[in-house]
Amino acid sequence: MSLERTIMAFAGFMVLLSLGLTTWVNHNFIWLTLFVGANLLQSAFTGFCPAAMLFKKLGIKPEAELALLHKQ
Protein backbone atom coordinates (compact mmCIF):
# COMPACT_ATOMS: atom_id res chain seq x y z
CA MET A 1 0.00 0.00 0.00
CA SER A 2 1.32 3.44 -0.86
CA LEU A 3 2.00 6.20 1.65
CA GLU A 4 -0.90 8.28 0.34
CA ARG A 5 -3.41 5.44 0.69
CA THR A 6 -2.04 4.55 4.13
CA ILE A 7 -2.59 8.11 5.30
CA MET A 8 -6.17 8.16 3.98
CA ALA A 9 -6.91 4.82 5.66
CA PHE A 10 -5.38 6.00 8.94
CA ALA A 11 -7.33 9.28 8.88
CA GLY A 12 -10.58 7.47 8.15
CA PHE A 13 -9.90 4.99 10.95
CA MET A 14 -9.15 7.80 13.40
CA VAL A 15 -12.35 9.67 12.51
CA LEU A 16 -14.47 6.54 12.95
CA LEU A 17 -12.67 5.61 16.18
CA SER A 18 -13.12 9.08 17.63
CA LEU A 19 -16.79 9.16 16.71
CA GLY A 20 -17.29 5.76 18.32
CA LEU A 21 -15.48 6.88 21.46
CA THR A 22 -17.58 10.05 21.51
CA THR A 23 -20.79 8.04 21.22
CA TRP A 24 -20.05 5.19 23.60
CA VAL A 25 -17.39 6.41 26.04
CA ASN A 26 -17.33 10.15 26.63
CA HIS A 27 -18.60 13.15 24.68
CA ASN A 28 -15.22 14.90 25.09
CA PHE A 29 -13.68 12.56 22.50
CA ILE A 30 -15.27 14.87 19.94
CA TRP A 31 -12.10 16.95 20.38
CA LEU A 32 -10.12 14.09 18.84
CA THR A 33 -12.43 14.21 15.82
CA LEU A 34 -11.87 17.96 15.59
CA PHE A 35 -8.09 17.48 15.81
CA VAL A 36 -8.06 14.88 13.02
CA GLY A 37 -10.21 17.08 10.78
CA ALA A 38 -8.09 20.17 11.45
CA ASN A 39 -4.91 18.21 10.74
CA LEU A 40 -6.34 16.97 7.42
CA LEU A 41 -7.30 20.51 6.46
CA GLN A 42 -3.94 22.06 7.33
CA SER A 43 -2.02 19.27 5.57
CA ALA A 44 -4.03 19.91 2.40
CA PHE A 45 -2.77 23.50 2.35
CA THR A 46 0.73 23.15 3.81
CA GLY A 47 1.77 19.65 2.75
CA PHE A 48 2.97 18.97 6.31
CA CYS A 49 1.58 15.76 7.80
CA PRO A 50 3.04 14.24 10.98
CA ALA A 51 1.46 10.87 10.16
CA ALA A 52 3.24 10.84 6.78
CA MET A 53 6.57 11.41 8.51
CA LEU A 54 5.89 8.51 10.87
CA PHE A 55 4.79 6.16 8.10
CA LYS A 56 7.87 7.07 6.02
CA LYS A 57 10.07 6.14 8.98
CA LEU A 58 8.22 2.83 9.14
CA GLY A 59 9.22 2.17 5.53
CA ILE A 60 6.00 2.88 3.64
CA LYS A 61 6.83 4.24 0.20
CA PRO A 62 5.03 6.98 -1.75
CA GLU A 63 3.08 6.06 -4.88
CA ALA A 64 5.68 7.61 -7.19
CA GLU A 65 8.44 5.48 -5.69
CA LEU A 66 6.32 2.33 -5.92
CA ALA A 67 5.61 3.10 -9.59
CA LEU A 68 9.33 3.31 -10.29
CA LEU A 69 9.89 -0.03 -8.56
CA HIS A 70 7.19 -1.68 -10.68
CA LYS A 71 8.71 -0.41 -13.93
CA GLN A 72 12.00 -2.17 -13.21
PDB file of N, CA and C in Angstrom:
ATOM      1  N   MET A   1       0.860  -1.175   0.000  1.00  0.00           N
ATOM      2  CA  MET A   1       0.000   0.000   0.000  1.00  0.00           C
ATOM      3  C   MET A   1       0.903   1.233   0.000  1.00  0.00           C
ATOM      4  N   SER A   2       0.520   2.216  -0.761  1.00  0.00           N
ATOM      5  CA  SER A   2       1.325   3.435  -0.862  1.00  0.00           C
ATOM      6  C   SER A   2       1.129   4.315   0.378  1.00  0.00           C
ATOM      7  N   LEU A   3       2.049   5.258   0.531  1.00  0.00           N
ATOM      8  CA  LEU A   3       1.995   6.200   1.648  1.00  0.00           C
ATOM      9  C   LEU A   3       0.692   6.995   1.627  1.00  0.00           C
ATOM     10  N   GLU A   4       0.305   7.451   0.447  1.00  0.00           N
ATOM     11  CA  GLU A   4      -0.901   8.276   0.337  1.00  0.00           C
ATOM     12  C   GLU A   4      -2.152   7.494   0.765  1.00  0.00           C
ATOM     13  N   ARG A   5      -2.244   6.253   0.323  1.00  0.00           N
ATOM     14  CA  ARG A   5      -3.409   5.437   0.694  1.00  0.00           C
ATOM     15  C   ARG A   5      -3.375   5.061   2.173  1.00  0.00           C
ATOM     16  N   THR A   6      -2.181   4.860   2.705  1.00  0.00           N
ATOM     17  CA  THR A   6      -2.043   4.550   4.125  1.00  0.00           C
ATOM     18  C   THR A   6      -2.519   5.719   4.975  1.00  0.00           C
ATOM     19  N   ILE A   7      -2.161   6.926   4.561  1.00  0.00           N
ATOM     20  CA  ILE A   7      -2.586   8.114   5.303  1.00  0.00           C
ATOM     21  C   ILE A   7      -4.101   8.273   5.252  1.00  0.00           C
ATOM     22  N   MET A   8      -4.700   8.061   4.082  1.00  0.00           N
ATOM     23  CA  MET A   8      -6.167   8.162   3.980  1.00  0.00           C
ATOM     24  C   MET A   8      -6.853   7.108   4.848  1.00  0.00           C
ATOM     25  N   ALA A   9      -6.325   5.888   4.841  1.00  0.00           N
ATOM     26  CA  ALA A   9      -6.907   4.816   5.663  1.00  0.00           C
ATOM     27  C   ALA A   9      -6.766   5.142   7.145  1.00  0.00           C
ATOM     28  N   PHE A  10      -5.609   5.648   7.538  1.00  0.00           N
ATOM     29  CA  PHE A  10      -5.377   6.001   8.945  1.00  0.00           C
ATOM     30  C   PHE A  10      -6.302   7.131   9.385  1.00  0.00           C
ATOM     31  N   ALA A  11      -6.445   8.160   8.541  1.00  0.00           N
ATOM     32  CA  ALA A  11      -7.327   9.285   8.884  1.00  0.00           C
ATOM     33  C   ALA A  11      -8.774   8.818   9.006  1.00  0.00           C
ATOM     34  N   GLY A  12      -9.213   7.996   8.077  1.00  0.00           N
ATOM     35  CA  GLY A  12     -10.576   7.467   8.152  1.00  0.00           C
ATOM     36  C   GLY A  12     -10.794   6.638   9.402  1.00  0.00           C
ATOM     37  N   PHE A  13      -9.807   5.793   9.730  1.00  0.00           N
ATOM     38  CA  PHE A  13      -9.900   4.990  10.948  1.00  0.00           C
ATOM     39  C   PHE A  13      -9.980   5.877  12.186  1.00  0.00           C
ATOM     40  N   MET A  14      -9.152   6.920  12.231  1.00  0.00           N
ATOM     41  CA  MET A  14      -9.146   7.803  13.396  1.00  0.00           C
ATOM     42  C   MET A  14     -10.469   8.553  13.546  1.00  0.00           C
ATOM     43  N   VAL A  15     -11.053   8.986  12.438  1.00  0.00           N
ATOM     44  CA  VAL A  15     -12.353   9.671  12.512  1.00  0.00           C
ATOM     45  C   VAL A  15     -13.419   8.721  13.032  1.00  0.00           C
ATOM     46  N   LEU A  16     -13.464   7.511  12.492  1.00  0.00           N
ATOM     47  CA  LEU A  16     -14.468   6.539  12.950  1.00  0.00           C
ATOM     48  C   LEU A  16     -14.244   6.142  14.403  1.00  0.00           C
ATOM     49  N   LEU A  17     -12.983   5.943  14.790  1.00  0.00           N
ATOM     50  CA  LEU A  17     -12.668   5.606  16.180  1.00  0.00           C
ATOM     51  C   LEU A  17     -13.105   6.723  17.117  1.00  0.00           C
ATOM     52  N   SER A  18     -12.771   7.970  16.758  1.00  0.00           N
ATOM     53  CA  SER A  18     -13.116   9.083  17.635  1.00  0.00           C
ATOM     54  C   SER A  18     -14.625   9.280  17.732  1.00  0.00           C
ATOM     55  N   LEU A  19     -15.332   9.058  16.641  1.00  0.00           N
ATOM     56  CA  LEU A  19     -16.794   9.162  16.712  1.00  0.00           C
ATOM     57  C   LEU A  19     -17.390   8.054  17.576  1.00  0.00           C
ATOM     58  N   GLY A  20     -16.836   6.861  17.465  1.00  0.00           N
ATOM     59  CA  GLY A  20     -17.289   5.763  18.323  1.00  0.00           C
ATOM     60  C   GLY A  20     -17.013   6.040  19.793  1.00  0.00           C
ATOM     61  N   LEU A  21     -15.821   6.539  20.074  1.00  0.00           N
ATOM     62  CA  LEU A  21     -15.484   6.878  21.463  1.00  0.00           C
ATOM     63  C   LEU A  21     -16.378   7.994  21.984  1.00  0.00           C
ATOM     64  N   THR A  22     -16.688   8.967  21.123  1.00  0.00           N
ATOM     65  CA  THR A  22     -17.585  10.053  21.515  1.00  0.00           C
ATOM     66  C   THR A  22     -18.974   9.518  21.838  1.00  0.00           C
ATOM     67  N   THR A  23     -19.445   8.580  21.037  1.00  0.00           N
ATOM     68  CA  THR A  23     -20.792   8.038  21.217  1.00  0.00           C
ATOM     69  C   THR A  23     -20.890   7.136  22.436  1.00  0.00           C
ATOM     70  N   TRP A  24     -19.892   6.240  22.591  1.00  0.00           N
ATOM     71  CA  TRP A  24     -20.045   5.190  23.602  1.00  0.00           C
ATOM     72  C   TRP A  24     -19.208   5.363  24.868  1.00  0.00           C
ATOM     73  N   VAL A  25     -18.249   6.278  24.858  1.00  0.00           N
ATOM     74  CA  VAL A  25     -17.394   6.406  26.043  1.00  0.00           C
ATOM     75  C   VAL A  25     -17.587   7.759  26.725  1.00  0.00           C
ATOM     76  N   ASN A  26     -17.251   8.836  26.020  1.00  0.00           N
ATOM     77  CA  ASN A  26     -17.331  10.154  26.625  1.00  0.00           C
ATOM     78  C   ASN A  26     -17.470  11.196  25.517  1.00  0.00           C
ATOM     79  N   HIS A  27     -18.350  12.147  25.716  1.00  0.00           N
ATOM     80  CA  HIS A  27     -18.601  13.154  24.682  1.00  0.00           C
ATOM     81  C   HIS A  27     -17.384  14.036  24.403  1.00  0.00           C
ATOM     82  N   ASN A  28     -16.414  14.079  25.300  1.00  0.00           N
ATOM     83  CA  ASN A  28     -15.222  14.904  25.090  1.00  0.00           C
ATOM     84  C   ASN A  28     -14.279  14.344  24.028  1.00  0.00           C
ATOM     85  N   PHE A  29     -14.495  13.101  23.587  1.00  0.00           N
ATOM     86  CA  PHE A  29     -13.681  12.556  22.503  1.00  0.00           C
ATOM     87  C   PHE A  29     -13.968  13.253  21.179  1.00  0.00           C
ATOM     88  N   ILE A  30     -14.990  14.098  21.149  1.00  0.00           N
ATOM     89  CA  ILE A  30     -15.272  14.875  19.938  1.00  0.00           C
ATOM     90  C   ILE A  30     -14.081  15.768  19.601  1.00  0.00           C
ATOM     91  N   TRP A  31     -13.286  16.129  20.615  1.00  0.00           N
ATOM     92  CA  TRP A  31     -12.096  16.949  20.378  1.00  0.00           C
ATOM     93  C   TRP A  31     -11.057  16.203  19.548  1.00  0.00           C
ATOM     94  N   LEU A  32     -11.007  14.884  19.673  1.00  0.00           N
ATOM     95  CA  LEU A  32     -10.120  14.086  18.837  1.00  0.00           C
ATOM     96  C   LEU A  32     -10.579  14.155  17.382  1.00  0.00           C
ATOM     97  N   THR A  33     -11.879  14.074  17.163  1.00  0.00           N
ATOM     98  CA  THR A  33     -12.428  14.208  15.820  1.00  0.00           C
ATOM     99  C   THR A  33     -12.071  15.568  15.233  1.00  0.00           C
ATOM    100  N   LEU A  34     -12.214  16.604  16.029  1.00  0.00           N
ATOM    101  CA  LEU A  34     -11.869  17.961  15.588  1.00  0.00           C
ATOM    102  C   LEU A  34     -10.385  18.055  15.244  1.00  0.00           C
ATOM    103  N   PHE A  35      -9.527  17.459  16.054  1.00  0.00           N
ATOM    104  CA  PHE A  35      -8.091  17.485  15.808  1.00  0.00           C
ATOM    105  C   PHE A  35      -7.746  16.789  14.493  1.00  0.00           C
ATOM    106  N   VAL A  36      -8.333  15.627  14.257  1.00  0.00           N
ATOM    107  CA  VAL A  36      -8.061  14.883  13.023  1.00  0.00           C
ATOM    108  C   VAL A  36      -8.516  15.697  11.817  1.00  0.00           C
ATOM    109  N   GLY A  37      -9.706  16.265  11.882  1.00  0.00           N
ATOM    110  CA  GLY A  37     -10.210  17.083  10.778  1.00  0.00           C
ATOM    111  C   GLY A  37      -9.351  18.312  10.529  1.00  0.00           C
ATOM    112  N   ALA A  38      -8.938  18.982  11.592  1.00  0.00           N
ATOM    113  CA  ALA A  38      -8.091  20.169  11.449  1.00  0.00           C
ATOM    114  C   ALA A  38      -6.739  19.794  10.862  1.00  0.00           C
ATOM    115  N   ASN A  39      -6.189  18.662  11.272  1.00  0.00           N
ATOM    116  CA  ASN A  39      -4.907  18.208  10.740  1.00  0.00           C
ATOM    117  C   ASN A  39      -5.025  17.891   9.253  1.00  0.00           C
ATOM    118  N   LEU A  40      -6.125  17.249   8.848  1.00  0.00           N
ATOM    119  CA  LEU A  40      -6.342  16.971   7.424  1.00  0.00           C
ATOM    120  C   LEU A  40      -6.433  18.265   6.623  1.00  0.00           C
ATOM    121  N   LEU A  41      -7.137  19.235   7.155  1.00  0.00           N
ATOM    122  CA  LEU A  41      -7.297  20.514   6.463  1.00  0.00           C
ATOM    123  C   LEU A  41      -5.962  21.245   6.331  1.00  0.00           C
ATOM    124  N   GLN A  42      -5.209  21.339   7.409  1.00  0.00           N
ATOM    125  CA  GLN A  42      -3.941  22.058   7.329  1.00  0.00           C
ATOM    126  C   GLN A  42      -2.948  21.332   6.440  1.00  0.00           C
ATOM    127  N   SER A  43      -2.960  19.998   6.431  1.00  0.00           N
ATOM    128  CA  SER A  43      -2.018  19.275   5.572  1.00  0.00           C
ATOM    129  C   SER A  43      -2.366  19.440   4.092  1.00  0.00           C
ATOM    130  N   ALA A  44      -3.632  19.667   3.786  1.00  0.00           N
ATOM    131  CA  ALA A  44      -4.030  19.915   2.404  1.00  0.00           C
ATOM    132  C   ALA A  44      -3.431  21.220   1.881  1.00  0.00           C
ATOM    133  N   PHE A  45      -3.300  22.203   2.763  1.00  0.00           N
ATOM    134  CA  PHE A  45      -2.774  23.501   2.354  1.00  0.00           C
ATOM    135  C   PHE A  45      -1.266  23.631   2.509  1.00  0.00           C
ATOM    136  N   THR A  46      -0.697  22.974   3.530  1.00  0.00           N
ATOM    137  CA  THR A  46       0.732  23.151   3.806  1.00  0.00           C
ATOM    138  C   THR A  46       1.587  21.999   3.305  1.00  0.00           C
ATOM    139  N   GLY A  47       0.996  20.820   3.144  1.00  0.00           N
ATOM    140  CA  GLY A  47       1.770  19.646   2.752  1.00  0.00           C
ATOM    141  C   GLY A  47       2.455  18.974   3.919  1.00  0.00           C
ATOM    142  N   PHE A  48       2.346  19.537   5.121  1.00  0.00           N
ATOM    143  CA  PHE A  48       2.972  18.970   6.310  1.00  0.00           C
ATOM    144  C   PHE A  48       2.002  18.011   6.990  1.00  0.00           C
ATOM    145  N   CYS A  49       2.428  16.762   7.161  1.00  0.00           N
ATOM    146  CA  CYS A  49       1.583  15.758   7.799  1.00  0.00           C
ATOM    147  C   CYS A  49       2.446  14.902   8.731  1.00  0.00           C
ATOM    148  N   PRO A  50       2.255  15.034  10.038  1.00  0.00           N
ATOM    149  CA  PRO A  50       3.036  14.237  10.982  1.00  0.00           C
ATOM    150  C   PRO A  50       2.869  12.731  10.772  1.00  0.00           C
ATOM    151  N   ALA A  51       1.681  12.296  10.396  1.00  0.00           N
ATOM    152  CA  ALA A  51       1.461  10.867  10.157  1.00  0.00           C
ATOM    153  C   ALA A  51       2.296  10.385   8.976  1.00  0.00           C
ATOM    154  N   ALA A  52       2.433  11.216   7.944  1.00  0.00           N
ATOM    155  CA  ALA A  52       3.241  10.839   6.783  1.00  0.00           C
ATOM    156  C   ALA A  52       4.695  10.661   7.179  1.00  0.00           C
ATOM    157  N   MET A  53       5.187  11.537   8.051  1.00  0.00           N
ATOM    158  CA  MET A  53       6.571  11.412   8.511  1.00  0.00           C
ATOM    159  C   MET A  53       6.774  10.106   9.273  1.00  0.00           C
ATOM    160  N   LEU A  54       5.803   9.752  10.098  1.00  0.00           N
ATOM    161  CA  LEU A  54       5.890   8.508  10.867  1.00  0.00           C
ATOM    162  C   LEU A  54       5.840   7.292   9.944  1.00  0.00           C
ATOM    163  N   PHE A  55       4.917   7.298   9.004  1.00  0.00           N
ATOM    164  CA  PHE A  55       4.794   6.159   8.095  1.00  0.00           C
ATOM    165  C   PHE A  55       6.021   6.012   7.195  1.00  0.00           C
ATOM    166  N   LYS A  56       6.641   7.135   6.804  1.00  0.00           N
ATOM    167  CA  LYS A  56       7.874   7.067   6.018  1.00  0.00           C
ATOM    168  C   LYS A  56       8.983   6.399   6.828  1.00  0.00           C
ATOM    169  N   LYS A  57       9.068   6.752   8.111  1.00  0.00           N
ATOM    170  CA  LYS A  57      10.074   6.137   8.977  1.00  0.00           C
ATOM    171  C   LYS A  57       9.821   4.645   9.150  1.00  0.00           C
ATOM    172  N   LEU A  58       8.566   4.245   9.035  1.00  0.00           N
ATOM    173  CA  LEU A  58       8.221   2.831   9.145  1.00  0.00           C
ATOM    174  C   LEU A  58       8.452   2.081   7.831  1.00  0.00           C
ATOM    175  N   GLY A  59       8.856   2.811   6.793  1.00  0.00           N
ATOM    176  CA  GLY A  59       9.218   2.174   5.533  1.00  0.00           C
ATOM    177  C   GLY A  59       8.148   2.141   4.460  1.00  0.00           C
ATOM    178  N   ILE A  60       7.054   2.853   4.655  1.00  0.00           N
ATOM    179  CA  ILE A  60       6.005   2.880   3.642  1.00  0.00           C
ATOM    180  C   ILE A  60       6.404   3.875   2.561  1.00  0.00           C
ATOM    181  N   LYS A  61       6.343   3.442   1.328  1.00  0.00           N
ATOM    182  CA  LYS A  61       6.831   4.242   0.204  1.00  0.00           C
ATOM    183  C   LYS A  61       5.702   5.005  -0.489  1.00  0.00           C
ATOM    184  N   PRO A  62       6.024   6.213  -0.991  1.00  0.00           N
ATOM    185  CA  PRO A  62       5.032   6.985  -1.751  1.00  0.00           C
ATOM    186  C   PRO A  62       4.685   6.288  -3.070  1.00  0.00           C
ATOM    187  N   GLU A  63       3.549   6.661  -3.631  1.00  0.00           N
ATOM    188  CA  GLU A  63       3.077   6.061  -4.882  1.00  0.00           C
ATOM    189  C   GLU A  63       4.082   6.208  -6.017  1.00  0.00           C
ATOM    190  N   ALA A  64       4.708   7.370  -6.115  1.00  0.00           N
ATOM    191  CA  ALA A  64       5.675   7.608  -7.189  1.00  0.00           C
ATOM    192  C   ALA A  64       6.857   6.641  -7.090  1.00  0.00           C
ATOM    193  N   GLU A  65       7.314   6.404  -5.895  1.00  0.00           N
ATOM    194  CA  GLU A  65       8.436   5.480  -5.694  1.00  0.00           C
ATOM    195  C   GLU A  65       8.030   4.038  -5.995  1.00  0.00           C
ATOM    196  N   LEU A  66       6.813   3.680  -5.618  1.00  0.00           N
ATOM    197  CA  LEU A  66       6.317   2.333  -5.923  1.00  0.00           C
ATOM    198  C   LEU A  66       6.175   2.133  -7.431  1.00  0.00           C
ATOM    199  N   ALA A  67       5.753   3.188  -8.144  1.00  0.00           N
ATOM    200  CA  ALA A  67       5.605   3.097  -9.592  1.00  0.00           C
ATOM    201  C   ALA A  67       6.959   2.850 -10.254  1.00  0.00           C
ATOM    202  N   LEU A  68       7.991   3.510  -9.751  1.00  0.00           N
ATOM    203  CA  LEU A  68       9.332   3.307 -10.292  1.00  0.00           C
ATOM    204  C   LEU A  68       9.821   1.882 -10.041  1.00  0.00           C
ATOM    205  N   LEU A  69       9.483   1.343  -8.883  1.00  0.00           N
ATOM    206  CA  LEU A  69       9.891  -0.029  -8.558  1.00  0.00           C
ATOM    207  C   LEU A  69       9.196  -1.035  -9.463  1.00  0.00           C
ATOM    208  N   HIS A  70       7.938  -0.764  -9.838  1.00  0.00           N
ATOM    209  CA  HIS A  70       7.186  -1.684 -10.681  1.00  0.00           C
ATOM    210  C   HIS A  70       7.645  -1.636 -12.136  1.00  0.00           C
ATOM    211  N   LYS A  71       8.228  -0.517 -12.558  1.00  0.00           N
ATOM    212  CA  LYS A  71       8.710  -0.407 -13.928  1.00  0.00           C
ATOM    213  C   LYS A  71       9.978  -1.233 -14.150  1.00  0.00           C
ATOM    214  N   GLN A  72      10.721  -1.458 -13.092  1.00  0.00           N
ATOM    215  CA  GLN A  72      11.997  -2.171 -13.212  1.00  0.00           C
ATOM    216  C   GLN A  72      11.812  -3.635 -13.364  1.00  0.00           C
TER     217      GLN A  72
END
